[in-house]
N, C-alpha and C. Protein backbone atom coordinates (compact mmCIF):
# COMPACT_ATOMS: atom_id res chain seq x y z
N MET A 1 99.03 72.54 102.60
CA MET A 1 100.26 72.25 102.03
C MET A 1 101.26 71.35 102.48
N SER A 2 101.90 70.69 101.84
CA SER A 2 102.87 69.77 102.63
C SER A 2 104.11 70.19 102.96
N ALA A 3 104.96 70.90 102.07
CA ALA A 3 106.31 71.26 102.61
C ALA A 3 106.31 72.50 103.27
N ALA A 4 106.98 72.63 104.25
CA ALA A 4 106.95 73.90 104.97
C ALA A 4 107.66 75.11 104.11
N PRO A 5 107.40 76.28 104.35
CA PRO A 5 107.81 77.46 103.65
C PRO A 5 109.49 77.53 104.02
N VAL A 6 110.14 78.19 103.25
CA VAL A 6 111.63 78.69 103.46
C VAL A 6 111.79 79.80 104.16
N ASP A 7 112.57 79.81 105.25
CA ASP A 7 112.83 80.97 106.22
C ASP A 7 113.42 81.82 105.13
N ILE A 8 113.15 83.20 105.47
CA ILE A 8 113.82 84.20 104.45
C ILE A 8 115.17 84.33 104.61
N SER A 9 115.82 84.00 105.83
CA SER A 9 117.27 84.02 106.19
C SER A 9 117.97 82.90 105.31
N GLN A 10 117.20 81.85 104.97
CA GLN A 10 117.96 80.87 104.16
C GLN A 10 117.27 81.00 102.80
N ALA A 11 116.42 81.71 102.44
CA ALA A 11 115.86 81.59 101.01
C ALA A 11 116.86 81.73 99.79
N ALA A 12 117.79 82.77 99.84
CA ALA A 12 118.84 82.97 98.91
C ALA A 12 119.65 81.73 98.57
N ALA A 13 119.95 80.86 99.54
CA ALA A 13 120.69 79.59 99.31
C ALA A 13 119.86 78.61 98.79
N LYS A 14 118.55 78.54 99.10
CA LYS A 14 117.48 77.44 98.81
C LYS A 14 116.83 77.64 97.28
N LEU A 15 116.75 78.88 97.04
CA LEU A 15 115.95 79.06 95.93
C LEU A 15 116.77 79.39 94.72
N GLU A 16 116.24 79.23 93.49
CA GLU A 16 117.03 79.10 92.12
C GLU A 16 117.23 80.83 91.91
N THR A 17 118.68 80.90 91.59
CA THR A 17 119.04 82.33 91.30
C THR A 17 118.91 82.42 89.74
N GLY A 18 118.83 83.64 89.31
CA GLY A 18 118.81 83.90 87.82
C GLY A 18 118.82 85.22 87.47
N SER A 19 118.20 85.46 86.32
CA SER A 19 118.02 86.82 85.91
C SER A 19 116.56 87.25 85.60
N GLY A 20 116.10 88.37 86.39
CA GLY A 20 114.69 88.60 85.91
C GLY A 20 113.63 87.94 86.85
N GLY A 21 112.25 88.13 86.61
CA GLY A 21 111.08 87.50 87.26
C GLY A 21 110.67 88.43 88.55
N VAL A 22 109.76 87.90 89.29
CA VAL A 22 108.88 88.62 90.15
C VAL A 22 109.06 87.99 91.45
N ILE A 23 109.36 88.64 92.58
CA ILE A 23 108.86 88.24 94.05
C ILE A 23 107.71 89.06 94.26
N VAL A 24 106.65 88.23 94.86
CA VAL A 24 105.38 88.80 95.42
C VAL A 24 105.65 88.86 96.86
N ALA A 25 105.54 90.06 97.42
CA ALA A 25 105.63 90.09 99.02
C ALA A 25 104.06 90.49 99.51
N VAL A 26 103.59 89.56 100.44
CA VAL A 26 102.34 89.67 100.97
C VAL A 26 102.67 90.19 102.41
N LEU A 27 102.23 91.39 102.82
CA LEU A 27 102.34 91.96 104.15
C LEU A 27 101.20 91.52 104.99
N GLY A 28 101.59 91.10 106.20
CA GLY A 28 100.62 90.52 107.24
C GLY A 28 99.98 91.69 107.87
N TYR A 29 98.94 91.35 108.49
CA TYR A 29 98.24 92.37 109.50
C TYR A 29 97.72 91.57 110.59
N SER A 30 97.54 92.11 111.92
CA SER A 30 97.09 91.55 112.98
C SER A 30 96.79 92.65 113.91
N SER A 31 95.86 92.19 114.95
CA SER A 31 95.48 93.20 115.91
C SER A 31 95.60 92.29 117.27
N ARG A 32 95.88 93.21 118.35
CA ARG A 32 96.13 92.58 119.54
C ARG A 32 95.03 91.91 119.94
N GLY A 33 95.03 90.67 120.70
CA GLY A 33 93.85 89.90 121.13
C GLY A 33 93.51 88.95 120.15
N ARG A 34 94.28 88.73 119.01
CA ARG A 34 93.69 87.80 118.01
C ARG A 34 94.87 86.86 117.64
N SER A 35 94.47 85.76 117.65
CA SER A 35 95.58 84.66 117.48
C SER A 35 95.23 83.88 116.07
N ASP A 36 94.13 84.26 115.28
CA ASP A 36 93.86 83.68 113.89
C ASP A 36 94.11 84.74 112.92
N LEU A 37 93.81 84.17 111.73
CA LEU A 37 94.09 85.13 110.60
C LEU A 37 92.94 86.33 110.54
N HIS A 38 93.61 87.68 110.59
CA HIS A 38 92.80 88.72 110.64
C HIS A 38 92.07 88.89 109.33
N PRO A 39 90.89 89.32 109.13
CA PRO A 39 90.37 89.44 107.68
C PRO A 39 90.94 90.41 106.89
N ILE A 40 91.69 91.40 107.37
CA ILE A 40 92.57 92.27 106.46
C ILE A 40 93.86 91.44 106.07
N CYS A 41 94.18 90.65 106.63
CA CYS A 41 95.45 89.75 106.43
C CYS A 41 94.93 88.64 105.17
N ALA A 42 93.65 88.33 105.66
CA ALA A 42 93.10 87.20 104.72
C ALA A 42 92.86 87.83 103.16
N ALA A 43 92.48 89.17 103.35
CA ALA A 43 92.25 89.83 101.98
C ALA A 43 93.52 90.00 101.24
N ARG A 44 94.50 90.53 102.01
CA ARG A 44 95.97 90.54 101.28
C ARG A 44 96.32 89.35 100.58
N LEU A 45 96.19 88.32 101.53
CA LEU A 45 96.68 86.95 101.11
C LEU A 45 95.91 86.40 99.89
N ALA A 46 94.46 86.63 99.85
CA ALA A 46 93.73 86.37 98.46
C ALA A 46 94.17 87.17 97.25
N ARG A 47 94.50 88.33 97.63
CA ARG A 47 95.02 89.25 96.56
C ARG A 47 96.40 88.73 96.00
N GLY A 48 97.33 88.28 96.90
CA GLY A 48 98.57 87.85 96.58
C GLY A 48 98.41 86.59 95.76
N ALA A 49 97.44 85.65 96.16
CA ALA A 49 97.29 84.49 95.28
C ALA A 49 96.71 84.88 93.83
N GLU A 50 96.03 85.97 93.74
CA GLU A 50 95.68 86.29 92.30
C GLU A 50 96.87 86.85 91.44
N VAL A 51 97.88 87.36 92.00
CA VAL A 51 98.89 88.02 91.45
C VAL A 51 100.25 87.24 91.36
N VAL A 52 100.27 86.10 91.70
CA VAL A 52 101.42 85.19 91.89
C VAL A 52 101.79 84.27 90.66
N SER A 53 100.98 84.36 89.66
CA SER A 53 101.10 83.33 88.51
C SER A 53 102.45 83.54 87.85
N ASP A 54 103.00 84.63 87.73
CA ASP A 54 104.32 84.74 87.17
C ASP A 54 105.34 84.86 87.99
N ALA A 55 105.32 84.57 89.39
CA ALA A 55 106.26 84.92 90.32
C ALA A 55 107.33 83.80 90.61
N ARG A 56 108.41 84.09 90.82
CA ARG A 56 109.58 82.91 91.24
C ARG A 56 109.36 82.57 92.78
N ALA A 57 108.82 83.48 93.30
CA ALA A 57 108.73 83.18 94.86
C ALA A 57 107.70 84.19 95.59
N VAL A 58 106.92 83.67 96.68
CA VAL A 58 106.14 84.56 97.23
C VAL A 58 106.60 84.80 98.62
N VAL A 59 106.74 85.80 99.23
CA VAL A 59 107.00 85.95 100.77
C VAL A 59 105.92 86.51 101.61
N LEU A 60 105.77 85.73 102.55
CA LEU A 60 104.56 85.87 103.42
C LEU A 60 105.27 86.52 104.66
N SER A 61 104.86 87.91 104.99
CA SER A 61 105.76 88.48 106.07
C SER A 61 104.85 89.11 107.16
N GLY A 62 105.33 88.80 108.36
CA GLY A 62 104.50 89.31 109.50
C GLY A 62 104.89 88.62 110.75
N TRP A 63 105.02 89.04 111.97
CA TRP A 63 105.36 88.80 113.32
C TRP A 63 104.09 88.20 113.99
N ALA A 64 104.28 87.75 115.18
CA ALA A 64 103.46 87.20 116.24
C ALA A 64 103.24 88.46 117.09
N ARG A 65 102.16 89.01 117.24
CA ARG A 65 101.96 90.18 118.25
C ARG A 65 101.97 89.55 119.66
N GLN A 66 101.63 88.50 120.00
CA GLN A 66 101.68 87.74 121.35
C GLN A 66 102.61 86.75 121.46
N ASN A 67 103.18 86.60 122.55
CA ASN A 67 104.02 85.47 122.93
C ASN A 67 103.16 84.17 122.87
N GLY A 68 103.77 83.23 122.08
CA GLY A 68 103.15 81.81 122.12
C GLY A 68 102.09 81.59 120.95
N SER A 69 101.91 82.80 120.32
CA SER A 69 100.88 82.65 119.29
C SER A 69 101.52 82.63 118.10
N PRO A 70 100.97 81.94 116.78
CA PRO A 70 101.63 81.97 115.67
C PRO A 70 101.84 83.52 114.95
N SER A 71 102.83 83.46 114.12
CA SER A 71 103.14 84.89 113.51
C SER A 71 102.09 84.96 112.36
N GLU A 72 101.86 86.09 111.94
CA GLU A 72 101.20 86.41 110.81
C GLU A 72 101.53 85.57 109.45
N ALA A 73 102.85 85.41 109.44
CA ALA A 73 103.33 84.70 108.48
C ALA A 73 103.16 83.10 108.52
N GLU A 74 103.00 82.54 109.55
CA GLU A 74 102.49 81.26 109.88
C GLU A 74 101.03 81.14 109.57
N LEU A 75 100.35 81.87 109.95
CA LEU A 75 98.66 81.95 109.81
C LEU A 75 98.43 81.99 108.27
N MET A 76 99.31 82.85 107.32
CA MET A 76 99.02 83.03 105.97
C MET A 76 99.63 81.88 105.47
N TRP A 77 100.65 81.13 105.86
CA TRP A 77 101.12 79.94 105.28
C TRP A 77 100.03 78.86 105.43
N ASP A 78 99.34 78.91 106.53
CA ASP A 78 98.26 77.72 106.73
C ASP A 78 96.94 78.07 105.79
N ALA A 79 96.96 79.20 105.37
CA ALA A 79 95.74 79.51 104.56
C ALA A 79 96.21 79.74 103.19
N TRP A 80 97.37 79.64 102.68
CA TRP A 80 97.95 79.80 101.36
C TRP A 80 97.40 78.83 100.51
N PRO A 81 96.80 79.32 99.49
CA PRO A 81 95.92 78.43 98.34
C PRO A 81 96.78 78.16 97.21
N GLU A 82 97.88 78.80 96.89
CA GLU A 82 98.54 78.53 95.71
C GLU A 82 99.67 77.45 95.77
N ALA A 83 99.72 76.45 94.91
CA ALA A 83 100.85 75.61 94.93
C ALA A 83 101.66 75.68 93.81
N GLY A 84 102.97 75.41 93.87
CA GLY A 84 103.68 75.36 92.73
C GLY A 84 104.64 76.70 92.61
N VAL A 85 104.63 77.53 93.64
CA VAL A 85 105.33 78.68 93.57
C VAL A 85 105.98 78.62 94.96
N PRO A 86 107.50 78.82 94.98
CA PRO A 86 108.09 78.67 96.16
C PRO A 86 107.59 79.63 97.32
N VAL A 87 107.33 79.33 98.62
CA VAL A 87 106.83 80.15 99.61
C VAL A 87 108.04 80.43 100.48
N VAL A 88 108.23 81.65 100.80
CA VAL A 88 109.19 82.17 101.81
C VAL A 88 108.65 82.66 103.04
N SER A 89 108.97 82.44 104.16
CA SER A 89 108.36 83.12 105.41
C SER A 89 109.28 84.09 105.90
N ASP A 90 108.86 85.27 106.32
CA ASP A 90 109.60 86.09 107.11
C ASP A 90 108.63 86.52 108.53
N PRO A 91 108.89 85.61 109.29
CA PRO A 91 107.96 85.63 110.60
C PRO A 91 108.63 86.66 111.58
N HIS A 92 109.56 87.23 111.45
CA HIS A 92 110.29 88.31 112.37
C HIS A 92 110.08 89.60 112.11
N ALA A 93 109.47 89.76 110.74
CA ALA A 93 109.40 91.27 110.34
C ALA A 93 108.11 91.91 111.21
N ARG A 94 108.60 92.93 111.97
CA ARG A 94 107.70 93.56 112.95
C ARG A 94 107.24 94.88 112.37
N THR A 95 107.72 95.60 111.29
CA THR A 95 107.44 96.62 110.41
C THR A 95 107.41 96.45 109.10
N THR A 96 106.62 97.29 108.34
CA THR A 96 106.79 97.32 106.82
C THR A 96 108.28 97.63 106.69
N ALA A 97 108.90 98.46 107.18
CA ALA A 97 110.41 98.84 106.84
C ALA A 97 111.31 97.47 106.95
N GLU A 98 111.10 96.65 108.06
CA GLU A 98 111.84 95.37 108.10
C GLU A 98 111.67 94.51 106.99
N SER A 99 110.27 94.37 106.51
CA SER A 99 109.84 93.49 105.39
C SER A 99 110.45 94.06 104.13
N ALA A 100 110.49 95.38 104.02
CA ALA A 100 111.13 96.01 102.89
C ALA A 100 112.61 95.59 102.62
N VAL A 101 113.41 95.73 103.48
CA VAL A 101 114.85 95.50 103.50
C VAL A 101 115.09 94.05 103.20
N ARG A 102 114.46 93.09 103.89
CA ARG A 102 114.59 92.01 103.86
C ARG A 102 114.23 91.25 102.25
N VAL A 103 113.11 91.66 101.92
CA VAL A 103 112.56 91.33 100.67
C VAL A 103 113.65 92.01 99.51
N ALA A 104 113.91 93.29 99.86
CA ALA A 104 114.94 93.74 98.59
C ALA A 104 116.26 93.20 98.79
N ALA A 105 116.69 92.57 99.85
CA ALA A 105 118.03 91.75 99.89
C ALA A 105 117.55 90.49 99.27
N LEU A 106 116.58 89.86 99.44
CA LEU A 106 116.19 88.34 98.62
C LEU A 106 116.22 88.80 97.32
N ALA A 107 115.42 89.78 96.64
CA ALA A 107 115.37 90.11 95.36
C ALA A 107 116.79 90.33 94.76
N ASP A 108 117.60 90.97 95.38
CA ASP A 108 118.78 91.33 94.82
C ASP A 108 119.70 89.96 94.92
N ALA A 109 119.72 89.02 95.84
CA ALA A 109 120.46 87.75 95.80
C ALA A 109 119.75 86.88 94.70
N LEU A 110 118.50 86.90 94.48
CA LEU A 110 118.00 86.01 93.40
C LEU A 110 117.93 86.47 92.02
N GLY A 111 118.28 87.88 91.96
CA GLY A 111 118.36 88.39 90.55
C GLY A 111 117.06 88.82 89.90
N VAL A 112 115.95 89.11 90.81
CA VAL A 112 114.79 89.29 90.17
C VAL A 112 114.92 90.96 89.80
N ASP A 113 113.99 91.13 88.85
CA ASP A 113 113.82 92.64 88.37
C ASP A 113 112.43 93.30 88.96
N GLU A 114 111.47 92.58 89.68
CA GLU A 114 110.36 93.30 90.21
C GLU A 114 109.97 92.69 91.62
N ILE A 115 109.61 93.60 92.38
CA ILE A 115 109.14 93.27 93.61
C ILE A 115 107.54 93.58 93.59
N ARG A 116 106.42 92.74 93.78
CA ARG A 116 105.21 93.10 93.58
C ARG A 116 104.68 93.06 95.18
N VAL A 117 104.34 94.31 95.73
CA VAL A 117 103.89 94.55 96.96
C VAL A 117 102.43 94.21 97.00
N VAL A 118 101.95 93.38 98.10
CA VAL A 118 100.72 93.26 98.16
C VAL A 118 100.28 93.65 99.59
N THR A 119 99.34 94.59 99.67
CA THR A 119 98.84 95.19 100.90
C THR A 119 97.58 95.91 100.72
N SER A 120 97.25 96.59 101.74
CA SER A 120 95.82 97.16 101.79
C SER A 120 96.00 98.47 101.04
N ARG A 121 95.07 98.97 100.38
CA ARG A 121 94.97 100.29 99.58
C ARG A 121 95.36 101.42 100.51
N TRP A 122 94.91 101.21 101.79
CA TRP A 122 95.16 102.42 102.58
C TRP A 122 96.62 102.36 103.08
N HIS A 123 97.30 101.33 102.99
CA HIS A 123 98.80 101.17 103.82
C HIS A 123 99.72 101.26 102.21
N MET A 124 99.22 101.19 101.01
CA MET A 124 100.20 101.12 99.80
C MET A 124 101.15 102.08 99.74
N ARG A 125 100.63 103.19 99.84
CA ARG A 125 101.79 104.50 99.49
C ARG A 125 102.84 104.37 100.56
N ARG A 126 102.71 104.12 101.80
CA ARG A 126 103.95 103.92 102.40
C ARG A 126 104.71 102.64 102.44
N ALA A 127 104.00 101.61 102.22
CA ALA A 127 104.58 100.48 101.92
C ALA A 127 105.57 100.63 100.50
N LEU A 128 105.12 101.30 99.54
CA LEU A 128 105.91 101.36 98.24
C LEU A 128 106.99 102.31 98.56
N PHE A 129 106.65 103.39 99.39
CA PHE A 129 107.85 104.37 99.75
C PHE A 129 109.05 103.47 100.44
N LEU A 130 108.50 102.81 101.43
CA LEU A 130 109.48 101.75 102.02
C LEU A 130 110.38 100.80 101.17
N PHE A 131 109.39 100.09 100.32
CA PHE A 131 110.04 99.04 99.52
C PHE A 131 110.96 99.68 98.40
N ARG A 132 110.57 100.94 97.80
CA ARG A 132 111.41 101.61 97.01
C ARG A 132 112.73 102.09 97.62
N GLY A 133 112.70 102.66 98.81
CA GLY A 133 113.94 102.97 99.57
C GLY A 133 114.76 102.00 99.73
N ALA A 134 114.10 100.76 100.01
CA ALA A 134 115.07 99.51 100.61
C ALA A 134 115.76 99.00 99.55
N ARG A 135 115.65 99.14 98.27
CA ARG A 135 116.14 98.56 97.09
C ARG A 135 117.54 99.18 97.03
N PHE A 136 117.98 100.07 97.65
CA PHE A 136 119.38 100.61 97.64
C PHE A 136 119.55 101.10 96.34
N ASP A 137 120.66 100.70 95.57
CA ASP A 137 120.78 101.10 94.06
C ASP A 137 120.46 99.97 93.16
N MET A 138 119.57 99.07 93.44
CA MET A 138 119.26 97.88 92.48
C MET A 138 118.28 98.40 91.43
N ALA A 139 118.44 97.80 90.38
CA ALA A 139 117.34 98.04 89.32
C ALA A 139 116.49 97.00 89.26
N THR A 140 115.44 97.33 90.40
CA THR A 140 114.28 96.45 90.81
C THR A 140 113.21 97.33 90.70
N ASP A 141 112.24 96.81 89.98
CA ASP A 141 110.79 97.76 89.98
C ASP A 141 110.01 97.20 91.32
N VAL A 142 109.29 98.20 91.88
CA VAL A 142 108.52 97.89 92.92
C VAL A 142 107.06 98.23 92.39
N THR A 143 106.09 97.31 92.32
CA THR A 143 104.92 97.44 91.96
C THR A 143 103.69 96.98 92.91
N PRO A 144 102.56 97.86 92.76
CA PRO A 144 101.44 97.54 93.87
C PRO A 144 100.45 96.64 93.38
N ALA A 145 100.18 95.87 94.39
CA ALA A 145 98.88 94.97 93.99
C ALA A 145 98.20 95.00 95.51
N HIS A 146 96.96 95.70 95.53
CA HIS A 146 96.27 96.07 96.80
C HIS A 146 94.99 95.40 96.83
N ALA A 147 94.77 94.95 98.19
CA ALA A 147 93.46 94.30 98.50
C ALA A 147 92.58 95.55 98.76
N ASP A 148 91.29 95.20 98.55
CA ASP A 148 90.26 96.28 98.52
C ASP A 148 89.44 96.37 99.88
N ASP A 149 90.24 96.47 100.90
CA ASP A 149 89.42 96.55 102.16
C ASP A 149 89.38 98.19 102.73
N ARG A 150 88.25 98.46 103.28
CA ARG A 150 88.01 99.86 103.74
C ARG A 150 88.84 100.13 104.92
N PRO A 151 89.42 101.37 104.89
CA PRO A 151 90.01 101.87 105.92
C PRO A 151 89.11 102.38 106.97
N THR A 152 89.47 102.43 108.15
CA THR A 152 88.70 103.08 109.51
C THR A 152 89.60 104.23 109.60
N VAL A 153 88.94 105.12 110.40
CA VAL A 153 89.74 106.39 110.97
C VAL A 153 90.92 105.87 111.75
N ARG A 154 90.86 104.78 112.53
CA ARG A 154 91.99 104.20 113.43
C ARG A 154 92.98 103.87 112.56
N ARG A 155 92.65 103.27 111.51
CA ARG A 155 93.70 102.68 110.60
C ARG A 155 94.45 103.83 109.97
N LEU A 156 93.72 104.92 109.47
CA LEU A 156 94.18 105.91 108.84
C LEU A 156 95.08 106.90 109.54
N LEU A 157 94.74 107.06 110.97
CA LEU A 157 95.52 107.69 111.90
C LEU A 157 96.97 106.80 112.09
N ARG A 158 96.90 105.70 112.25
CA ARG A 158 97.94 104.82 112.35
C ARG A 158 98.96 104.98 111.22
N GLU A 159 98.48 105.04 109.99
CA GLU A 159 99.16 105.13 108.90
C GLU A 159 100.04 106.45 108.90
N LEU A 160 99.03 107.42 109.28
CA LEU A 160 99.75 109.00 109.52
C LEU A 160 100.91 108.87 110.37
N GLY A 161 100.65 108.17 111.30
CA GLY A 161 101.74 108.16 112.37
C GLY A 161 103.10 107.17 111.72
N GLY A 162 102.68 106.28 111.05
CA GLY A 162 103.53 105.50 110.16
C GLY A 162 104.57 106.44 109.49
N TRP A 163 103.94 107.35 108.81
CA TRP A 163 104.77 108.12 107.84
C TRP A 163 105.56 109.01 108.67
N VAL A 164 105.31 109.33 109.95
CA VAL A 164 106.25 110.20 110.81
C VAL A 164 107.58 109.46 110.99
N VAL A 165 107.46 108.17 111.25
CA VAL A 165 108.72 107.34 111.56
C VAL A 165 109.20 106.73 110.44
N ALA A 166 108.47 106.60 109.15
CA ALA A 166 109.15 105.86 108.06
C ALA A 166 110.51 106.13 107.71
N PRO A 167 110.78 107.22 107.50
CA PRO A 167 112.25 107.60 106.93
C PRO A 167 113.33 107.12 107.97
N ALA A 168 112.89 107.46 109.24
CA ALA A 168 113.95 107.06 110.16
C ALA A 168 114.02 105.57 110.37
N GLN A 169 112.86 104.76 110.27
CA GLN A 169 112.84 103.39 110.24
C GLN A 169 113.62 102.82 109.03
N LEU A 170 113.63 103.32 107.87
CA LEU A 170 114.10 103.02 106.74
C LEU A 170 115.79 103.08 106.75
N ARG A 171 116.15 104.35 107.32
CA ARG A 171 117.74 104.51 107.30
C ARG A 171 118.15 103.52 108.53
N ALA A 172 117.56 103.35 109.46
CA ALA A 172 118.02 102.18 110.62
C ALA A 172 118.32 100.91 109.97
N LYS A 173 117.17 100.40 109.25
CA LYS A 173 117.01 99.21 108.63
C LYS A 173 118.21 98.96 107.37
N ARG A 174 118.35 100.03 106.93
CA ARG A 174 119.32 99.95 105.74
C ARG A 174 120.75 99.82 106.42
N ARG A 175 121.02 100.60 107.40
CA ARG A 175 122.23 100.68 108.05
C ARG A 175 122.29 99.08 108.56
N VAL A 176 121.65 98.45 109.10
CA VAL A 176 121.70 97.13 109.78
C VAL A 176 121.88 96.18 108.69
N ALA A 177 121.21 96.23 107.56
CA ALA A 177 121.42 95.38 106.25
C ALA A 177 122.62 95.52 105.66
N THR A 178 123.40 96.70 105.64
CA THR A 178 124.72 96.70 104.98
C THR A 178 125.69 96.42 105.74
N ARG A 179 125.63 96.12 107.00
CA ARG A 179 126.72 95.76 107.88
C ARG A 179 127.11 94.09 107.68
């Protein structure tokens, strides 16, 4: 792709506002020791490309686990197959809660009425909980579009741990976003 994605911190000012429409939020995934696009992240990206046809923008979200390596958002951008839909990068989101709050703020600023969350099936329930919680009092629907990758016991245990901290993460991120 030729043009660089718009950073999420500048997206509200650079994208067209209006009433209605969809933002597709593709959540990244990586593991320590890798500096390339993880297969789970690639599956999410492919699913995002399948559901982006009616979107006003797509947000590629995820941080760099290792200093000096590209972020998940950058790796997804390099592999993004879809042209014609504005791409927004959120390379600093370290958690799903951070992604949720930032995407919800962008959805509010752009006036969209749907956030379509793209992640793995095993991560979807927690992602929806966080994205729905991040909407504050917005009249924005949050809908799922999952990639069909198989969970491992380790990933399921990680998800279980994520549920323990999810409410506190969301409260903290919402406080920061409303300041």
